Amino acid sequence: MNKAECIASVASDLNSAEQALDAAITQATTLVQSMIGARTVLNLSPVSGAGSQARAMEAIAAMATAREALVACHGELAKDHRRLGYGVYAVGPVNKPAEDTIPPATGELARASRLRAV
């Protein structure tokens, strides 16, 4: 496996992990919505199921913390990638954060990064 393949493999795994965590958060929030809807349909008091709903929301909060850690991991990997001199590399969607959160680029990339959406 050459360097590019190795980097692509890590990037792909990172992207897969991010998508899986987002899907888990989505599914857990759907569960909470379902629990609230069922309580309403069954005409039950808000007290009914409050404990289980609170636990589901705790799980969502834990997944949100895990997502923050995974996003931080992504940032650290990007720093390592640049620090090691492997250049620009992207896998998956390219919806990246605003430019002010990304270190300034040099050369051709710097000229391109001056463009702004209007």
N, C-alpha and C. Protein backbone atom coordinates (compact mmCIF):
# COMPACT_ATOMS: atom_id res chain seq x y z
N MET A 1 0.86 -1.17 0.00
CA MET A 1 0.00 0.00 0.00
C MET A 1 0.90 1.24 0.00
N ASN A 2 0.69 2.13 -0.99
CA ASN A 2 1.51 3.35 -1.04
C ASN A 2 0.92 4.42 -0.11
N LYS A 3 1.61 5.56 -0.01
CA LYS A 3 1.18 6.62 0.91
C LYS A 3 -0.22 7.13 0.59
N ALA A 4 -0.49 7.36 -0.70
CA ALA A 4 -1.79 7.89 -1.10
C ALA A 4 -2.91 6.92 -0.73
N GLU A 5 -2.69 5.63 -0.94
CA GLU A 5 -3.70 4.63 -0.59
C GLU A 5 -3.92 4.56 0.91
N CYS A 6 -2.84 4.67 1.66
CA CYS A 6 -2.92 4.64 3.12
C CYS A 6 -3.71 5.84 3.63
N ILE A 7 -3.38 7.02 3.11
CA ILE A 7 -4.08 8.25 3.50
C ILE A 7 -5.55 8.16 3.10
N ALA A 8 -5.83 7.68 1.91
CA ALA A 8 -7.21 7.53 1.44
C ALA A 8 -7.99 6.58 2.34
N SER A 9 -7.34 5.52 2.80
CA SER A 9 -8.00 4.56 3.68
C SER A 9 -8.39 5.20 5.01
N VAL A 10 -7.48 5.95 5.61
CA VAL A 10 -7.77 6.63 6.87
C VAL A 10 -8.87 7.67 6.67
N ALA A 11 -8.78 8.44 5.59
CA ALA A 11 -9.80 9.46 5.30
C ALA A 11 -11.17 8.82 5.10
N SER A 12 -11.20 7.70 4.41
CA SER A 12 -12.46 7.00 4.18
C SER A 12 -13.04 6.47 5.48
N ASP A 13 -12.19 5.91 6.33
CA ASP A 13 -12.65 5.41 7.63
C ASP A 13 -13.16 6.54 8.51
N LEU A 14 -12.48 7.68 8.48
CA LEU A 14 -12.92 8.84 9.24
C LEU A 14 -14.29 9.31 8.75
N ASN A 15 -14.44 9.41 7.45
CA ASN A 15 -15.71 9.82 6.86
C ASN A 15 -16.82 8.84 7.24
N SER A 16 -16.54 7.55 7.19
CA SER A 16 -17.52 6.53 7.56
C SER A 16 -17.92 6.64 9.03
N ALA A 17 -16.93 6.88 9.89
CA ALA A 17 -17.21 7.02 11.33
C ALA A 17 -18.08 8.25 11.59
N GLU A 18 -17.77 9.35 10.91
CA GLU A 18 -18.57 10.57 11.07
C GLU A 18 -20.01 10.33 10.61
N GLN A 19 -20.18 9.69 9.48
CA GLN A 19 -21.52 9.41 8.97
C GLN A 19 -22.28 8.45 9.89
N ALA A 20 -21.60 7.44 10.41
CA ALA A 20 -22.26 6.48 11.30
C ALA A 20 -22.72 7.16 12.59
N LEU A 21 -21.90 8.04 13.13
CA LEU A 21 -22.28 8.74 14.35
C LEU A 21 -23.45 9.68 14.09
N ASP A 22 -23.42 10.39 12.97
CA ASP A 22 -24.55 11.26 12.62
C ASP A 22 -25.83 10.43 12.46
N ALA A 23 -25.73 9.27 11.85
CA ALA A 23 -26.90 8.40 11.68
C ALA A 23 -27.42 7.91 13.03
N ALA A 24 -26.51 7.59 13.95
CA ALA A 24 -26.92 7.15 15.28
C ALA A 24 -27.63 8.27 16.03
N ILE A 25 -27.12 9.49 15.92
CA ILE A 25 -27.77 10.63 16.57
C ILE A 25 -29.16 10.84 15.97
N THR A 26 -29.25 10.76 14.67
CA THR A 26 -30.55 10.91 14.00
C THR A 26 -31.53 9.85 14.46
N GLN A 27 -31.09 8.61 14.55
CA GLN A 27 -31.96 7.52 14.98
C GLN A 27 -32.40 7.71 16.43
N ALA A 28 -31.50 8.14 17.28
CA ALA A 28 -31.86 8.35 18.69
C ALA A 28 -32.84 9.50 18.86
N THR A 29 -32.68 10.55 18.08
CA THR A 29 -33.65 11.65 18.17
C THR A 29 -35.01 11.22 17.63
N THR A 30 -35.00 10.35 16.62
CA THR A 30 -36.26 9.79 16.12
C THR A 30 -36.94 8.96 17.20
N LEU A 31 -36.15 8.24 17.98
CA LEU A 31 -36.70 7.46 19.08
C LEU A 31 -37.41 8.37 20.09
N VAL A 32 -36.77 9.47 20.47
CA VAL A 32 -37.38 10.40 21.42
C VAL A 32 -38.68 10.96 20.85
N GLN A 33 -38.64 11.32 19.58
CA GLN A 33 -39.84 11.84 18.92
C GLN A 33 -40.95 10.78 18.94
N SER A 34 -40.60 9.55 18.70
CA SER A 34 -41.56 8.46 18.70
C SER A 34 -42.15 8.25 20.10
N MET A 35 -41.29 8.33 21.11
CA MET A 35 -41.76 8.17 22.48
C MET A 35 -42.77 9.26 22.84
N ILE A 36 -42.48 10.50 22.47
CA ILE A 36 -43.39 11.61 22.76
C ILE A 36 -44.69 11.43 21.98
N GLY A 37 -44.57 11.05 20.71
CA GLY A 37 -45.77 10.83 19.90
C GLY A 37 -46.63 9.71 20.45
N ALA A 38 -46.02 8.63 20.90
CA ALA A 38 -46.78 7.50 21.45
C ALA A 38 -47.50 7.91 22.73
N ARG A 39 -46.82 8.68 23.56
CA ARG A 39 -47.44 9.16 24.79
C ARG A 39 -48.67 10.01 24.48
N THR A 40 -48.54 10.84 23.44
CA THR A 40 -49.66 11.69 23.04
C THR A 40 -50.82 10.85 22.50
N VAL A 41 -50.51 9.91 21.62
CA VAL A 41 -51.55 9.06 21.03
C VAL A 41 -52.25 8.23 22.10
N LEU A 42 -51.49 7.75 23.07
CA LEU A 42 -52.06 6.92 24.14
C LEU A 42 -52.70 7.76 25.24
N ASN A 43 -52.62 9.10 25.09
CA ASN A 43 -53.21 10.03 26.05
C ASN A 43 -52.67 9.80 27.46
N LEU A 44 -51.34 9.66 27.55
CA LEU A 44 -50.69 9.44 28.83
C LEU A 44 -50.12 10.74 29.38
N SER A 45 -49.96 10.78 30.66
CA SER A 45 -49.39 11.93 31.34
C SER A 45 -47.93 12.10 30.92
N PRO A 46 -47.43 13.35 30.89
CA PRO A 46 -46.01 13.57 30.60
C PRO A 46 -45.09 12.86 31.59
N VAL A 47 -45.61 12.54 32.76
CA VAL A 47 -44.81 11.82 33.75
C VAL A 47 -44.53 10.39 33.28
N SER A 48 -45.47 9.82 32.53
CA SER A 48 -45.30 8.46 32.02
C SER A 48 -44.12 8.42 31.06
N GLY A 49 -43.23 7.53 31.32
CA GLY A 49 -42.08 7.37 30.44
C GLY A 49 -41.02 8.45 30.56
N ALA A 50 -41.15 9.31 31.57
CA ALA A 50 -40.18 10.40 31.72
C ALA A 50 -38.76 9.87 31.95
N GLY A 51 -38.66 8.80 32.72
CA GLY A 51 -37.34 8.22 33.00
C GLY A 51 -36.68 7.66 31.76
N SER A 52 -37.44 6.91 30.98
CA SER A 52 -36.86 6.31 29.77
C SER A 52 -36.54 7.39 28.74
N GLN A 53 -37.38 8.41 28.65
CA GLN A 53 -37.11 9.51 27.72
C GLN A 53 -35.85 10.27 28.15
N ALA A 54 -35.70 10.48 29.44
CA ALA A 54 -34.49 11.15 29.94
C ALA A 54 -33.24 10.35 29.62
N ARG A 55 -33.33 9.03 29.73
CA ARG A 55 -32.18 8.17 29.39
C ARG A 55 -31.84 8.26 27.91
N ALA A 56 -32.86 8.29 27.07
CA ALA A 56 -32.62 8.41 25.63
C ALA A 56 -31.94 9.75 25.32
N MET A 57 -32.36 10.81 26.01
CA MET A 57 -31.74 12.11 25.79
C MET A 57 -30.32 12.15 26.34
N GLU A 58 -30.05 11.41 27.41
CA GLU A 58 -28.68 11.28 27.91
C GLU A 58 -27.79 10.62 26.85
N ALA A 59 -28.34 9.60 26.20
CA ALA A 59 -27.61 8.91 25.14
C ALA A 59 -27.30 9.88 23.99
N ILE A 60 -28.27 10.73 23.65
CA ILE A 60 -28.05 11.71 22.59
C ILE A 60 -26.96 12.68 23.00
N ALA A 61 -26.97 13.13 24.26
CA ALA A 61 -25.94 14.04 24.74
C ALA A 61 -24.56 13.38 24.68
N ALA A 62 -24.49 12.09 25.04
CA ALA A 62 -23.22 11.37 24.98
C ALA A 62 -22.73 11.25 23.53
N MET A 63 -23.67 11.01 22.61
CA MET A 63 -23.28 10.92 21.20
C MET A 63 -22.83 12.29 20.67
N ALA A 64 -23.43 13.35 21.17
CA ALA A 64 -23.00 14.69 20.77
C ALA A 64 -21.58 14.96 21.25
N THR A 65 -21.26 14.50 22.45
CA THR A 65 -19.89 14.64 22.96
C THR A 65 -18.93 13.81 22.11
N ALA A 66 -19.35 12.61 21.76
CA ALA A 66 -18.52 11.75 20.90
C ALA A 66 -18.32 12.40 19.54
N ARG A 67 -19.35 13.05 19.02
CA ARG A 67 -19.24 13.72 17.72
C ARG A 67 -18.24 14.87 17.80
N GLU A 68 -18.27 15.64 18.89
CA GLU A 68 -17.30 16.72 19.07
C GLU A 68 -15.88 16.17 19.07
N ALA A 69 -15.68 15.03 19.74
CA ALA A 69 -14.35 14.41 19.77
C ALA A 69 -13.93 13.94 18.39
N LEU A 70 -14.86 13.40 17.63
CA LEU A 70 -14.55 12.92 16.28
C LEU A 70 -14.23 14.09 15.35
N VAL A 71 -14.95 15.19 15.49
CA VAL A 71 -14.65 16.38 14.70
C VAL A 71 -13.26 16.92 15.08
N ALA A 72 -12.93 16.90 16.36
CA ALA A 72 -11.60 17.32 16.80
C ALA A 72 -10.52 16.39 16.23
N CYS A 73 -10.82 15.09 16.20
CA CYS A 73 -9.90 14.12 15.60
C CYS A 73 -9.67 14.46 14.13
N HIS A 74 -10.75 14.81 13.43
CA HIS A 74 -10.66 15.18 12.02
C HIS A 74 -9.73 16.38 11.86
N GLY A 75 -9.90 17.37 12.72
CA GLY A 75 -9.04 18.56 12.66
C GLY A 75 -7.58 18.23 12.92
N GLU A 76 -7.33 17.38 13.90
CA GLU A 76 -5.95 16.98 14.21
C GLU A 76 -5.33 16.19 13.06
N LEU A 77 -6.11 15.30 12.46
CA LEU A 77 -5.60 14.55 11.31
C LEU A 77 -5.27 15.50 10.15
N ALA A 78 -6.10 16.52 9.95
CA ALA A 78 -5.83 17.49 8.89
C ALA A 78 -4.53 18.25 9.18
N LYS A 79 -4.33 18.62 10.44
CA LYS A 79 -3.07 19.30 10.81
C LYS A 79 -1.88 18.39 10.57
N ASP A 80 -2.00 17.13 10.99
CA ASP A 80 -0.91 16.16 10.78
C ASP A 80 -0.62 15.99 9.30
N HIS A 81 -1.67 15.92 8.51
CA HIS A 81 -1.54 15.75 7.07
C HIS A 81 -0.74 16.90 6.46
N ARG A 82 -1.09 18.13 6.83
CA ARG A 82 -0.35 19.29 6.31
C ARG A 82 1.07 19.34 6.87
N ARG A 83 1.21 19.05 8.17
CA ARG A 83 2.52 19.10 8.81
C ARG A 83 3.49 18.10 8.18
N LEU A 84 2.98 16.95 7.78
CA LEU A 84 3.82 15.93 7.16
C LEU A 84 4.07 16.20 5.68
N GLY A 85 3.42 17.25 5.14
CA GLY A 85 3.68 17.65 3.77
C GLY A 85 3.01 16.80 2.70
N TYR A 86 1.87 16.21 3.04
CA TYR A 86 1.18 15.38 2.06
C TYR A 86 0.28 16.16 1.12
N GLY A 87 0.18 17.48 1.29
CA GLY A 87 -0.60 18.30 0.37
C GLY A 87 -2.08 18.26 0.65
N VAL A 88 -2.84 18.68 -0.35
CA VAL A 88 -4.29 18.77 -0.22
C VAL A 88 -4.90 17.42 -0.54
N TYR A 89 -5.84 16.97 0.28
CA TYR A 89 -6.49 15.70 0.06
C TYR A 89 -7.90 15.78 0.61
N ALA A 90 -8.88 15.28 -0.12
CA ALA A 90 -10.27 15.28 0.35
C ALA A 90 -10.97 14.02 -0.06
N VAL A 91 -11.79 13.49 0.83
CA VAL A 91 -12.63 12.34 0.56
C VAL A 91 -14.00 12.68 1.12
N GLY A 92 -15.02 12.31 0.43
CA GLY A 92 -16.37 12.56 0.93
C GLY A 92 -16.82 13.96 0.60
N PRO A 93 -17.90 14.41 1.25
CA PRO A 93 -18.43 15.73 0.97
C PRO A 93 -17.40 16.81 1.30
N VAL A 94 -17.41 17.86 0.53
CA VAL A 94 -16.44 18.92 0.78
C VAL A 94 -17.08 20.13 1.45
N ASN A 95 -18.14 19.92 2.20
CA ASN A 95 -18.74 21.00 2.98
C ASN A 95 -17.83 21.23 4.18
N LYS A 96 -16.95 22.17 4.05
CA LYS A 96 -15.96 22.43 5.08
C LYS A 96 -16.33 23.70 5.84
N PRO A 97 -15.72 23.91 7.00
CA PRO A 97 -16.03 25.11 7.78
C PRO A 97 -15.61 26.39 7.07
N ALA A 98 -16.08 27.50 7.58
CA ALA A 98 -15.74 28.80 7.01
C ALA A 98 -14.23 28.99 6.96
N GLU A 99 -13.80 29.82 6.02
CA GLU A 99 -12.37 30.00 5.79
C GLU A 99 -11.63 30.52 7.02
N ASP A 100 -12.30 31.32 7.85
CA ASP A 100 -11.60 31.89 9.01
C ASP A 100 -11.21 30.84 10.04
N THR A 101 -11.71 29.60 9.93
CA THR A 101 -11.33 28.54 10.84
C THR A 101 -10.24 27.65 10.25
N ILE A 102 -9.84 27.93 9.01
CA ILE A 102 -8.82 27.13 8.33
C ILE A 102 -7.56 27.98 8.19
N PRO A 103 -6.37 27.41 8.47
CA PRO A 103 -5.14 28.18 8.34
C PRO A 103 -4.98 28.72 6.91
N PRO A 104 -4.36 29.89 6.76
CA PRO A 104 -4.20 30.48 5.43
C PRO A 104 -3.39 29.57 4.50
N ALA A 105 -3.76 29.59 3.23
CA ALA A 105 -3.07 28.79 2.22
C ALA A 105 -2.01 29.63 1.53
N THR A 106 -1.17 28.96 0.76
CA THR A 106 -0.12 29.66 0.02
C THR A 106 -0.22 29.32 -1.45
N GLY A 107 0.40 30.15 -2.30
CA GLY A 107 0.49 29.87 -3.73
C GLY A 107 -0.85 29.88 -4.43
N GLU A 108 -1.04 28.92 -5.35
CA GLU A 108 -2.24 28.82 -6.16
C GLU A 108 -3.50 28.68 -5.30
N LEU A 109 -3.40 27.90 -4.25
CA LEU A 109 -4.54 27.71 -3.36
C LEU A 109 -4.93 29.02 -2.67
N ALA A 110 -3.95 29.83 -2.32
CA ALA A 110 -4.24 31.11 -1.66
C ALA A 110 -5.01 32.03 -2.60
N ARG A 111 -4.63 32.09 -3.87
CA ARG A 111 -5.35 32.94 -4.81
C ARG A 111 -6.79 32.47 -4.97
N ALA A 112 -7.00 31.18 -5.03
CA ALA A 112 -8.34 30.64 -5.18
C ALA A 112 -9.18 30.87 -3.93
N SER A 113 -8.54 30.90 -2.76
CA SER A 113 -9.30 31.02 -1.52
C SER A 113 -9.79 32.44 -1.27
N ARG A 114 -9.35 33.42 -2.06
CA ARG A 114 -9.83 34.79 -1.89
C ARG A 114 -11.23 34.98 -2.45
N LEU A 115 -11.73 34.02 -3.20
CA LEU A 115 -13.07 34.13 -3.77
C LEU A 115 -14.11 34.01 -2.65
N ARG A 116 -15.14 34.79 -2.77
CA ARG A 116 -16.19 34.79 -1.77
C ARG A 116 -17.55 34.56 -2.45
N ALA A 117 -18.43 33.85 -1.79
CA ALA A 117 -19.79 33.66 -2.29
C ALA A 117 -20.57 34.94 -2.05
N VAL A 118 -21.40 35.31 -2.99
CA VAL A 118 -22.23 36.50 -2.84
C VAL A 118 -23.69 36.16 -2.97
